[in-house]
Amino acid sequence: MVARVVEGRTLYVNTSNAPVRVALAGQKHDTLTGKTYTGSLDLAPYGVALLR
């Protein structure tokens, strides 16, 4: 799992072949999918999310 902050947004990349759960502070919006997450984000194997 890799996370990097870019211009106020956080890019999450799951670099494994297993799903991962990422703890989040508050509510976040994924600019790639339009989904909103509260408390946690479940990333599929090799999944990505760009949250703001």
C-alpha atoms as a PDB file:
ATOM      1  CA  MET A   1       0.000   0.000   0.000  1.00  0.00           C
ATOM      2  CA  VAL A   2       1.328   3.406  -1.002  1.00  0.00           C
ATOM      3  CA  ALA A   3      -0.160   6.810  -0.172  1.00  0.00           C
ATOM      4  CA  ARG A   4       1.039  10.172  -1.426  1.00  0.00           C
ATOM      5  CA  VAL A   5      -0.366  13.671  -0.970  1.00  0.00           C
ATOM      6  CA  VAL A   6      -0.506  15.680  -4.208  1.00  0.00           C
ATOM      7  CA  GLU A   7      -1.890  19.230  -4.220  1.00  0.00           C
ATOM      8  CA  GLY A   8      -4.199  18.624  -1.245  1.00  0.00           C
ATOM      9  CA  ARG A   9      -5.465  15.262  -2.475  1.00  0.00           C
ATOM     10  CA  THR A  10      -4.258  11.853  -1.328  1.00  0.00           C
ATOM     11  CA  LEU A  11      -3.507   9.145  -3.876  1.00  0.00           C
ATOM     12  CA  TYR A  12      -3.843   5.597  -2.508  1.00  0.00           C
ATOM     13  CA  VAL A  13      -2.456   2.651  -4.481  1.00  0.00           C
ATOM     14  CA  ASN A  14      -2.870  -0.936  -3.342  1.00  0.00           C
ATOM     15  CA  THR A  15       0.308  -2.625  -4.578  1.00  0.00           C
ATOM     16  CA  SER A  16      -0.699  -6.122  -3.451  1.00  0.00           C
ATOM     17  CA  ASN A  17      -2.912  -8.887  -4.808  1.00  0.00           C
ATOM     18  CA  ALA A  18      -5.110  -8.758  -1.666  1.00  0.00           C
ATOM     19  CA  PRO A  19      -7.749  -6.168  -0.727  1.00  0.00           C
ATOM     20  CA  VAL A  20      -6.796  -3.598   1.929  1.00  0.00           C
ATOM     21  CA  ARG A  21      -8.779  -1.321   4.263  1.00  0.00           C
ATOM     22  CA  VAL A  22      -7.540   2.239   4.806  1.00  0.00           C
ATOM     23  CA  ALA A  23      -8.664   4.211   7.868  1.00  0.00           C
ATOM     24  CA  LEU A  24      -9.861   7.730   6.997  1.00  0.00           C
ATOM     25  CA  ALA A  25     -10.387  10.794   9.162  1.00  0.00           C
ATOM     26  CA  GLY A  26     -13.909  12.017   8.460  1.00  0.00           C
ATOM     27  CA  GLN A  27     -15.574  12.014   5.059  1.00  0.00           C
ATOM     28  CA  LYS A  28     -13.584  11.926   1.802  1.00  0.00           C
ATOM     29  CA  HIS A  29     -14.604  12.150  -1.864  1.00  0.00           C
ATOM     30  CA  ASP A  30     -12.933  10.043  -4.583  1.00  0.00           C
ATOM     31  CA  THR A  31     -12.323  12.269  -7.600  1.00  0.00           C
ATOM     32  CA  LEU A  32     -11.827   9.236  -9.878  1.00  0.00           C
ATOM     33  CA  THR A  33     -15.143   7.484  -9.162  1.00  0.00           C
ATOM     34  CA  GLY A  34     -17.292  10.174  -7.545  1.00  0.00           C
ATOM     35  CA  LYS A  35     -17.909   7.966  -4.488  1.00  0.00           C
ATOM     36  CA  THR A  36     -17.859   9.313  -0.927  1.00  0.00           C
ATOM     37  CA  TYR A  37     -16.222   7.393   1.930  1.00  0.00           C
ATOM     38  CA  THR A  38     -16.648   7.868   5.676  1.00  0.00           C
ATOM     39  CA  GLY A  39     -14.296   6.277   8.198  1.00  0.00           C
ATOM     40  CA  SER A  40     -12.588   3.805   5.864  1.00  0.00           C
ATOM     41  CA  LEU A  41     -11.835   2.946   2.263  1.00  0.00           C
ATOM     42  CA  ASP A  42     -11.668  -0.621   0.944  1.00  0.00           C
ATOM     43  CA  LEU A  43      -9.280  -0.915  -1.988  1.00  0.00           C
ATOM     44  CA  ALA A  44      -9.404  -3.906  -4.307  1.00  0.00           C
ATOM     45  CA  PRO A  45      -6.189  -5.707  -5.255  1.00  0.00           C
ATOM     46  CA  TYR A  46      -4.065  -3.230  -7.260  1.00  0.00           C
ATOM     47  CA  GLY A  47      -6.820  -0.637  -6.788  1.00  0.00           C
ATOM     48  CA  VAL A  48      -6.368   3.137  -6.713  1.00  0.00           C
ATOM     49  CA  ALA A  49      -8.259   6.054  -5.186  1.00  0.00           C
ATOM     50  CA  LEU A  50      -7.664   9.819  -5.298  1.00  0.00           C
ATOM     51  CA  LEU A  51      -9.358  11.356  -2.270  1.00  0.00           C
ATOM     52  CA  ARG A  52     -10.002  14.963  -1.308  1.00  0.00           C
END
